[in-house]
Amino acid sequence: MRALPMVMASVVVLGGCTAANQQQGASTQEPQRRYLCLQTAQKPGGYDEQVFATCMASWGYKEGEAVYIHR
């Protein structure tokens, strides 16, 4: 009977680790995603800010004051 509570506790702990790894994964992929969005938004003399914002939003980022923040 003690095995069930131990299994449940393990599931909760592992679930927390997975959530932390997903957040870390988002931050390590941000430079690649930003690069792809900048390439997509390129135009002569700069880049299209609206296209860039739309691209970043498609990855789940929202515009902050100076940076994009993963939601």
PDB file of N, CA and C in Angstrom:
ATOM      1  N   MET A   1       0.799  -1.189   0.000  1.00  0.00           N
ATOM      2  CA  MET A   1       0.000   0.000   0.000  1.00  0.00           C
ATOM      3  C   MET A   1       0.848   1.262   0.000  1.00  0.00           C
ATOM      4  N   ARG A   2       2.057   1.194   0.504  1.00  0.00           N
ATOM      5  CA  ARG A   2       2.915   2.370   0.535  1.00  0.00           C
ATOM      6  C   ARG A   2       3.489   2.689  -0.839  1.00  0.00           C
ATOM      7  N   ALA A   3       3.420   1.746  -1.745  1.00  0.00           N
ATOM      8  CA  ALA A   3       3.988   1.958  -3.073  1.00  0.00           C
ATOM      9  C   ALA A   3       3.214   3.027  -3.842  1.00  0.00           C
ATOM     10  N   LEU A   4       1.911   3.062  -3.705  1.00  0.00           N
ATOM     11  CA  LEU A   4       1.101   4.041  -4.437  1.00  0.00           C
ATOM     12  C   LEU A   4       1.460   5.486  -4.074  1.00  0.00           C
ATOM     13  N   PRO A   5       1.566   5.851  -2.797  1.00  0.00           N
ATOM     14  CA  PRO A   5       1.966   7.230  -2.480  1.00  0.00           C
ATOM     15  C   PRO A   5       3.362   7.569  -3.006  1.00  0.00           C
ATOM     16  N   MET A   6       4.273   6.610  -2.992  1.00  0.00           N
ATOM     17  CA  MET A   6       5.630   6.853  -3.508  1.00  0.00           C
ATOM     18  C   MET A   6       5.599   7.102  -5.011  1.00  0.00           C
ATOM     19  N   VAL A   7       4.801   6.333  -5.722  1.00  0.00           N
ATOM     20  CA  VAL A   7       4.670   6.512  -7.169  1.00  0.00           C
ATOM     21  C   VAL A   7       4.068   7.881  -7.459  1.00  0.00           C
ATOM     22  N   MET A   8       3.042   8.263  -6.715  1.00  0.00           N
ATOM     23  CA  MET A   8       2.396   9.561  -6.924  1.00  0.00           C
ATOM     24  C   MET A   8       3.376  10.706  -6.660  1.00  0.00           C
ATOM     25  N   ALA A   9       4.173  10.584  -5.606  1.00  0.00           N
ATOM     26  CA  ALA A   9       5.160  11.616  -5.282  1.00  0.00           C
ATOM     27  C   ALA A   9       6.201  11.720  -6.398  1.00  0.00           C
ATOM     28  N   SER A  10       6.618  10.598  -6.945  1.00  0.00           N
ATOM     29  CA  SER A  10       7.594  10.600  -8.040  1.00  0.00           C
ATOM     30  C   SER A  10       7.040  11.289  -9.276  1.00  0.00           C
ATOM     31  N   VAL A  11       5.771  11.047  -9.568  1.00  0.00           N
ATOM     32  CA  VAL A  11       5.133  11.668 -10.729  1.00  0.00           C
ATOM     33  C   VAL A  11       5.095  13.176 -10.564  1.00  0.00           C
ATOM     34  N   VAL A  12       4.769  13.655  -9.377  1.00  0.00           N
ATOM     35  CA  VAL A  12       4.714  15.096  -9.114  1.00  0.00           C
ATOM     36  C   VAL A  12       6.090  15.724  -9.275  1.00  0.00           C
ATOM     37  N   VAL A  13       7.111  15.085  -8.724  1.00  0.00           N
ATOM     38  CA  VAL A  13       8.481  15.611  -8.823  1.00  0.00           C
ATOM     39  C   VAL A  13       8.940  15.636 -10.274  1.00  0.00           C
ATOM     40  N   LEU A  14       8.730  14.555 -11.000  1.00  0.00           N
ATOM     41  CA  LEU A  14       9.151  14.503 -12.399  1.00  0.00           C
ATOM     42  C   LEU A  14       8.373  15.507 -13.248  1.00  0.00           C
ATOM     43  N   GLY A  15       7.110  15.723 -12.942  1.00  0.00           N
ATOM     44  CA  GLY A  15       6.324  16.713 -13.665  1.00  0.00           C
ATOM     45  C   GLY A  15       6.889  18.105 -13.490  1.00  0.00           C
ATOM     46  N   GLY A  16       7.338  18.428 -12.286  1.00  0.00           N
ATOM     47  CA  GLY A  16       7.961  19.727 -12.033  1.00  0.00           C
ATOM     48  C   GLY A  16       9.257  19.887 -12.795  1.00  0.00           C
ATOM     49  N   CYS A  17      10.040  18.829 -12.886  1.00  0.00           N
ATOM     50  CA  CYS A  17      11.300  18.876 -13.637  1.00  0.00           C
ATOM     51  C   CYS A  17      11.028  19.105 -15.122  1.00  0.00           C
ATOM     52  N   THR A  18      10.010  18.470 -15.643  1.00  0.00           N
ATOM     53  CA  THR A  18       9.668  18.639 -17.058  1.00  0.00           C
ATOM     54  C   THR A  18       9.276  20.076 -17.345  1.00  0.00           C
ATOM     55  N   ALA A  19       8.495  20.681 -16.474  1.00  0.00           N
ATOM     56  CA  ALA A  19       8.083  22.074 -16.679  1.00  0.00           C
ATOM     57  C   ALA A  19       9.299  22.991 -16.651  1.00  0.00           C
ATOM     58  N   ALA A  20      10.235  22.758 -15.741  1.00  0.00           N
ATOM     59  CA  ALA A  20      11.442  23.580 -15.670  1.00  0.00           C
ATOM     60  C   ALA A  20      12.272  23.417 -16.933  1.00  0.00           C
ATOM     61  N   ASN A  21      12.385  22.193 -17.451  1.00  0.00           N
ATOM     62  CA  ASN A  21      13.152  21.958 -18.672  1.00  0.00           C
ATOM     63  C   ASN A  21      12.505  22.612 -19.880  1.00  0.00           C
ATOM     64  N   GLN A  22      11.184  22.647 -19.938  1.00  0.00           N
ATOM     65  CA  GLN A  22      10.504  23.297 -21.054  1.00  0.00           C
ATOM     66  C   GLN A  22      10.768  24.789 -21.041  1.00  0.00           C
ATOM     67  N   GLN A  23      10.762  25.414 -19.869  1.00  0.00           N
ATOM     68  CA  GLN A  23      11.032  26.847 -19.772  1.00  0.00           C
ATOM     69  C   GLN A  23      12.467  27.129 -20.186  1.00  0.00           C
ATOM     70  N   GLN A  24      13.407  26.290 -19.744  1.00  0.00           N
ATOM     71  CA  GLN A  24      14.807  26.464 -20.117  1.00  0.00           C
ATOM     72  C   GLN A  24      14.979  26.263 -21.615  1.00  0.00           C
ATOM     73  N   GLY A  25      14.276  25.283 -22.182  1.00  0.00           N
ATOM     74  CA  GLY A  25      14.366  25.029 -23.611  1.00  0.00           C
ATOM     75  C   GLY A  25      13.902  26.225 -24.421  1.00  0.00           C
ATOM     76  N   ALA A  26      12.870  26.900 -23.958  1.00  0.00           N
ATOM     77  CA  ALA A  26      12.373  28.079 -24.662  1.00  0.00           C
ATOM     78  C   ALA A  26      13.428  29.173 -24.671  1.00  0.00           C
ATOM     79  N   SER A  27      14.136  29.358 -23.558  1.00  0.00           N
ATOM     80  CA  SER A  27      15.125  30.423 -23.495  1.00  0.00           C
ATOM     81  C   SER A  27      16.359  30.102 -24.332  1.00  0.00           C
ATOM     82  N   THR A  28      16.716  28.820 -24.459  1.00  0.00           N
ATOM     83  CA  THR A  28      17.892  28.487 -25.256  1.00  0.00           C
ATOM     84  C   THR A  28      17.588  28.538 -26.749  1.00  0.00           C
ATOM     85  N   GLN A  29      16.319  28.445 -27.120  1.00  0.00           N
ATOM     86  CA  GLN A  29      15.945  28.503 -28.534  1.00  0.00           C
ATOM     87  C   GLN A  29      15.639  29.920 -28.998  1.00  0.00           C
ATOM     88  N   GLU A  30      15.550  30.864 -28.067  1.00  0.00           N
ATOM     89  CA  GLU A  30      15.173  32.219 -28.448  1.00  0.00           C
ATOM     90  C   GLU A  30      16.103  32.844 -29.492  1.00  0.00           C
ATOM     91  N   PRO A  31      17.428  32.731 -29.361  1.00  0.00           N
ATOM     92  CA  PRO A  31      18.285  33.349 -30.382  1.00  0.00           C
ATOM     93  C   PRO A  31      18.028  32.803 -31.796  1.00  0.00           C
ATOM     94  N   GLN A  32      17.803  31.502 -31.914  1.00  0.00           N
ATOM     95  CA  GLN A  32      17.531  30.922 -33.228  1.00  0.00           C
ATOM     96  C   GLN A  32      16.194  31.421 -33.764  1.00  0.00           C
ATOM     97  N   ARG A  33      15.199  31.492 -32.902  1.00  0.00           N
ATOM     98  CA  ARG A  33      13.880  31.957 -33.331  1.00  0.00           C
ATOM     99  C   ARG A  33      13.927  33.428 -33.734  1.00  0.00           C
ATOM    100  N   ARG A  34      14.645  34.233 -32.945  1.00  0.00           N
ATOM    101  CA  ARG A  34      14.780  35.662 -33.266  1.00  0.00           C
ATOM    102  C   ARG A  34      15.470  35.830 -34.616  1.00  0.00           C
ATOM    103  N   TYR A  35      16.518  35.035 -34.863  1.00  0.00           N
ATOM    104  CA  TYR A  35      17.238  35.092 -36.131  1.00  0.00           C
ATOM    105  C   TYR A  35      16.312  34.747 -37.295  1.00  0.00           C
ATOM    106  N   LEU A  36      15.529  33.669 -37.140  1.00  0.00           N
ATOM    107  CA  LEU A  36      14.606  33.271 -38.203  1.00  0.00           C
ATOM    108  C   LEU A  36      13.577  34.364 -38.474  1.00  0.00           C
ATOM    109  N   CYS A  37      13.082  34.983 -37.415  1.00  0.00           N
ATOM    110  CA  CYS A  37      12.088  36.047 -37.583  1.00  0.00           C
ATOM    111  C   CYS A  37      12.712  37.275 -38.250  1.00  0.00           C
ATOM    112  N   LEU A  38      13.944  37.598 -37.892  1.00  0.00           N
ATOM    113  CA  LEU A  38      14.611  38.731 -38.541  1.00  0.00           C
ATOM    114  C   LEU A  38      14.849  38.451 -40.026  1.00  0.00           C
ATOM    115  N   GLN A  39      15.201  37.208 -40.346  1.00  0.00           N
ATOM    116  CA  GLN A  39      15.394  36.845 -41.751  1.00  0.00           C
ATOM    117  C   GLN A  39      14.077  36.961 -42.515  1.00  0.00           C
ATOM    118  N   THR A  40      12.981  36.546 -41.883  1.00  0.00           N
ATOM    119  CA  THR A  40      11.664  36.611 -42.515  1.00  0.00           C
ATOM    120  C   THR A  40      11.227  38.060 -42.725  1.00  0.00           C
ATOM    121  N   ALA A  41      11.582  38.933 -41.782  1.00  0.00           N
ATOM    122  CA  ALA A  41      11.108  40.318 -41.812  1.00  0.00           C
ATOM    123  C   ALA A  41      12.026  41.262 -42.584  1.00  0.00           C
ATOM    124  N   GLN A  42      13.105  40.744 -43.156  1.00  0.00           N
ATOM    125  CA  GLN A  42      14.050  41.609 -43.865  1.00  0.00           C
ATOM    126  C   GLN A  42      13.403  42.321 -45.031  1.00  0.00           C
ATOM    127  N   LYS A  43      13.780  43.593 -45.204  1.00  0.00           N
ATOM    128  CA  LYS A  43      13.384  44.365 -46.372  1.00  0.00           C
ATOM    129  C   LYS A  43      14.533  45.320 -46.671  1.00  0.00           C
ATOM    130  N   PRO A  44      14.580  45.892 -47.846  1.00  0.00           N
ATOM    131  CA  PRO A  44      15.680  46.811 -48.164  1.00  0.00           C
ATOM    132  C   PRO A  44      15.767  47.942 -47.134  1.00  0.00           C
ATOM    133  N   GLY A  45      16.935  48.110 -46.554  1.00  0.00           N
ATOM    134  CA  GLY A  45      17.156  49.192 -45.605  1.00  0.00           C
ATOM    135  C   GLY A  45      16.749  48.863 -44.173  1.00  0.00           C
ATOM    136  N   GLY A  46      16.433  47.631 -43.867  1.00  0.00           N
ATOM    137  CA  GLY A  46      16.064  47.288 -42.491  1.00  0.00           C
ATOM    138  C   GLY A  46      15.182  46.062 -42.431  1.00  0.00           C
ATOM    139  N   TYR A  47      14.163  46.139 -41.569  1.00  0.00           N
ATOM    140  CA  TYR A  47      13.234  45.030 -41.463  1.00  0.00           C
ATOM    141  C   TYR A  47      11.843  45.559 -41.134  1.00  0.00           C
ATOM    142  N   ASP A  48      10.845  44.771 -41.455  1.00  0.00           N
ATOM    143  CA  ASP A  48       9.449  45.122 -41.218  1.00  0.00           C
ATOM    144  C   ASP A  48       9.095  44.728 -39.783  1.00  0.00           C
ATOM    145  N   GLU A  49       8.886  45.716 -38.923  1.00  0.00           N
ATOM    146  CA  GLU A  49       8.630  45.458 -37.508  1.00  0.00           C
ATOM    147  C   GLU A  49       7.358  44.642 -37.284  1.00  0.00           C
ATOM    148  N   GLN A  50       6.335  44.875 -38.098  1.00  0.00           N
ATOM    149  CA  GLN A  50       5.076  44.149 -37.948  1.00  0.00           C
ATOM    150  C   GLN A  50       5.265  42.660 -38.260  1.00  0.00           C
ATOM    151  N   VAL A  51       6.017  42.376 -39.317  1.00  0.00           N
ATOM    152  CA  VAL A  51       6.288  40.980 -39.683  1.00  0.00           C
ATOM    153  C   VAL A  51       7.100  40.309 -38.576  1.00  0.00           C
ATOM    154  N   PHE A  52       8.097  41.027 -38.043  1.00  0.00           N
ATOM    155  CA  PHE A  52       8.915  40.487 -36.961  1.00  0.00           C
ATOM    156  C   PHE A  52       8.057  40.182 -35.728  1.00  0.00           C
ATOM    157  N   ALA A  53       7.193  41.131 -35.342  1.00  0.00           N
ATOM    158  CA  ALA A  53       6.335  40.945 -34.171  1.00  0.00           C
ATOM    159  C   ALA A  53       5.384  39.766 -34.367  1.00  0.00           C
ATOM    160  N   THR A  54       4.834  39.636 -35.563  1.00  0.00           N
ATOM    161  CA  THR A  54       3.924  38.525 -35.859  1.00  0.00           C
ATOM    162  C   THR A  54       4.661  37.197 -35.786  1.00  0.00           C
ATOM    163  N   CYS A  55       5.865  37.158 -36.323  1.00  0.00           N
ATOM    164  CA  CYS A  55       6.671  35.936 -36.302  1.00  0.00           C
ATOM    165  C   CYS A  55       7.002  35.543 -34.859  1.00  0.00           C
ATOM    166  N   MET A  56       7.438  36.493 -34.043  1.00  0.00           N
ATOM    167  CA  MET A  56       7.767  36.186 -32.653  1.00  0.00           C
ATOM    168  C   MET A  56       6.524  35.726 -31.895  1.00  0.00           C
ATOM    169  N   ALA A  57       5.382  36.343 -32.171  1.00  0.00           N
ATOM    170  CA  ALA A  57       4.133  35.941 -31.520  1.00  0.00           C
ATOM    171  C   ALA A  57       3.762  34.509 -31.903  1.00  0.00           C
ATOM    172  N   SER A  58       4.076  34.110 -33.133  1.00  0.00           N
ATOM    173  CA  SER A  58       3.761  32.745 -33.560  1.00  0.00           C
ATOM    174  C   SER A  58       4.571  31.713 -32.780  1.00  0.00           C
ATOM    175  N   TRP A  59       5.703  32.119 -32.227  1.00  0.00           N
ATOM    176  CA  TRP A  59       6.523  31.225 -31.396  1.00  0.00           C
ATOM    177  C   TRP A  59       6.091  31.287 -29.936  1.00  0.00           C
ATOM    178  N   GLY A  60       5.119  32.131 -29.612  1.00  0.00           N
ATOM    179  CA  GLY A  60       4.636  32.212 -28.242  1.00  0.00           C
ATOM    180  C   GLY A  60       5.275  33.314 -27.429  1.00  0.00           C
ATOM    181  N   TYR A  61       5.893  34.295 -28.090  1.00  0.00           N
ATOM    182  CA  TYR A  61       6.506  35.413 -27.385  1.00  0.00           C
ATOM    183  C   TYR A  61       5.580  36.612 -27.466  1.00  0.00           C
ATOM    184  N   LYS A  62       5.603  37.435 -26.408  1.00  0.00           N
ATOM    185  CA  LYS A  62       4.865  38.687 -26.458  1.00  0.00           C
ATOM    186  C   LYS A  62       5.867  39.822 -26.309  1.00  0.00           C
ATOM    187  N   GLU A  63       5.524  40.964 -26.849  1.00  0.00           N
ATOM    188  CA  GLU A  63       6.440  42.094 -26.843  1.00  0.00           C
ATOM    189  C   GLU A  63       6.502  42.708 -25.455  1.00  0.00           C
ATOM    190  N   GLY A  64       7.711  42.847 -24.933  1.00  0.00           N
ATOM    191  CA  GLY A  64       7.935  43.520 -23.659  1.00  0.00           C
ATOM    192  C   GLY A  64       8.426  44.930 -23.960  1.00  0.00           C
ATOM    193  N   GLU A  65       9.036  45.565 -22.992  1.00  0.00           N
ATOM    194  CA  GLU A  65       9.526  46.917 -23.201  1.00  0.00           C
ATOM    195  C   GLU A  65      10.674  46.942 -24.203  1.00  0.00           C
ATOM    196  N   ALA A  66      11.656  46.065 -24.029  1.00  0.00           N
ATOM    197  CA  ALA A  66      12.796  46.049 -24.934  1.00  0.00           C
ATOM    198  C   ALA A  66      13.084  44.677 -25.490  1.00  0.00           C
ATOM    199  N   VAL A  67      12.423  43.657 -24.946  1.00  0.00           N
ATOM    200  CA  VAL A  67      12.684  42.282 -25.361  1.00  0.00           C
ATOM    201  C   VAL A  67      11.363  41.536 -25.530  1.00  0.00           C
ATOM    202  N   TYR A  68      11.449  40.377 -26.148  1.00  0.00           N
ATOM    203  CA  TYR A  68      10.287  39.512 -26.258  1.00  0.00           C
ATOM    204  C   TYR A  68      10.346  38.503 -25.124  1.00  0.00           C
ATOM    205  N   ILE A  69       9.219  38.276 -24.489  1.00  0.00           N
ATOM    206  CA  ILE A  69       9.123  37.400 -23.332  1.00  0.00           C
ATOM    207  C   ILE A  69       8.280  36.195 -23.709  1.00  0.00           C
ATOM    208  N   HIS A  70       8.799  35.007 -23.410  1.00  0.00           N
ATOM    209  CA  HIS A  70       8.035  33.794 -23.722  1.00  0.00           C
ATOM    210  C   HIS A  70       6.887  33.679 -22.743  1.00  0.00           C
ATOM    211  N   ARG A  71       5.697  33.428 -23.270  1.00  0.00           N
ATOM    212  CA  ARG A  71       4.498  33.327 -22.407  1.00  0.00           C
ATOM    213  C   ARG A  71       4.459  32.004 -21.703  1.00  0.00           C
TER     214      ARG A  71
END
